[in-house]
Amino acid sequence: MNAEYRKVRPAALSRQILSLTGQLETLATAKQPAPIRPPVNEDWNRRPNRRFSNDATYAPSRRY
């Protein structure tokens, strides 16, 4: 383990991390923003609140 630990160079690692961070920042700023999606039409999914005329007199039940 000591032999492997002696191979580690903190200054070189720090320089490499800074270099990679700079590259990542360059890539992130050059990237195009995601296209804006159109809003979803939810009218197709909407169900009426009351199914039957006497629903208002009963406690809410499970709806499918």
Protein backbone atom coordinates (compact mmCIF):
# COMPACT_ATOMS: atom_id res chain seq x y z
CA MET A 1 0.00 0.00 0.00
CA ASN A 2 2.85 2.37 0.76
CA ALA A 3 4.31 1.80 -2.71
CA GLU A 4 1.00 2.75 -4.32
CA TYR A 5 0.56 5.72 -2.00
CA ARG A 6 3.97 7.09 -3.01
CA LYS A 7 2.80 7.16 -6.64
CA VAL A 8 -0.01 9.57 -5.78
CA ARG A 9 0.93 13.16 -6.56
CA PRO A 10 -1.50 15.60 -4.90
CA ALA A 11 -0.38 18.60 -6.96
CA ALA A 12 -0.78 16.70 -10.24
CA LEU A 13 -4.19 15.43 -9.15
CA SER A 14 -5.25 18.96 -8.26
CA ARG A 15 -4.15 20.28 -11.66
CA GLN A 16 -5.96 17.45 -13.42
CA ILE A 17 -9.16 18.09 -11.44
CA LEU A 18 -9.01 21.80 -12.30
CA SER A 19 -8.46 20.98 -15.97
CA LEU A 20 -11.38 18.56 -16.07
CA THR A 21 -13.59 21.06 -14.24
CA GLY A 22 -12.76 23.69 -16.86
CA GLN A 23 -13.58 21.27 -19.67
CA LEU A 24 -16.88 20.38 -18.04
CA GLU A 25 -17.79 24.05 -17.65
CA THR A 26 -16.97 24.68 -21.32
CA LEU A 27 -19.16 21.79 -22.42
CA ALA A 28 -22.02 22.85 -20.17
CA THR A 29 -22.04 26.46 -21.40
CA ALA A 30 -21.75 25.47 -25.08
CA LYS A 31 -24.67 23.06 -24.88
CA GLN A 32 -27.94 24.16 -26.48
CA PRO A 33 -30.92 24.51 -24.13
CA ALA A 34 -33.61 21.87 -24.29
CA PRO A 35 -36.50 22.67 -26.65
CA ILE A 36 -39.68 23.89 -25.01
CA ARG A 37 -42.42 21.28 -25.18
CA PRO A 38 -45.97 22.33 -26.03
CA PRO A 39 -48.44 22.11 -23.15
CA VAL A 40 -50.30 18.83 -22.75
CA ASN A 41 -53.99 18.88 -23.65
CA GLU A 42 -55.56 17.60 -20.43
CA ASP A 43 -59.15 17.92 -21.65
CA TRP A 44 -58.94 14.38 -22.99
CA ASN A 45 -58.17 13.05 -19.51
CA ARG A 46 -60.65 15.09 -17.51
CA ARG A 47 -63.63 13.25 -16.01
CA PRO A 48 -66.72 14.82 -14.54
CA ASN A 49 -66.79 15.04 -10.75
CA ARG A 50 -70.30 13.60 -10.44
CA ARG A 51 -71.29 10.43 -12.28
CA PHE A 52 -74.86 10.20 -11.01
CA SER A 53 -77.38 12.77 -9.86
CA ASN A 54 -77.38 11.44 -6.28
CA ASP A 55 -73.58 11.45 -5.90
CA ALA A 56 -73.69 14.66 -3.92
CA THR A 57 -75.60 12.96 -1.08
CA TYR A 58 -73.03 10.20 -0.56
CA ALA A 59 -69.52 10.32 0.84
CA PRO A 60 -66.80 10.36 -1.79
CA SER A 61 -65.91 6.88 -2.94
CA ARG A 62 -63.13 5.43 -5.00
CA ARG A 63 -63.30 6.63 -8.61
CA TYR A 64 -61.90 4.66 -11.51
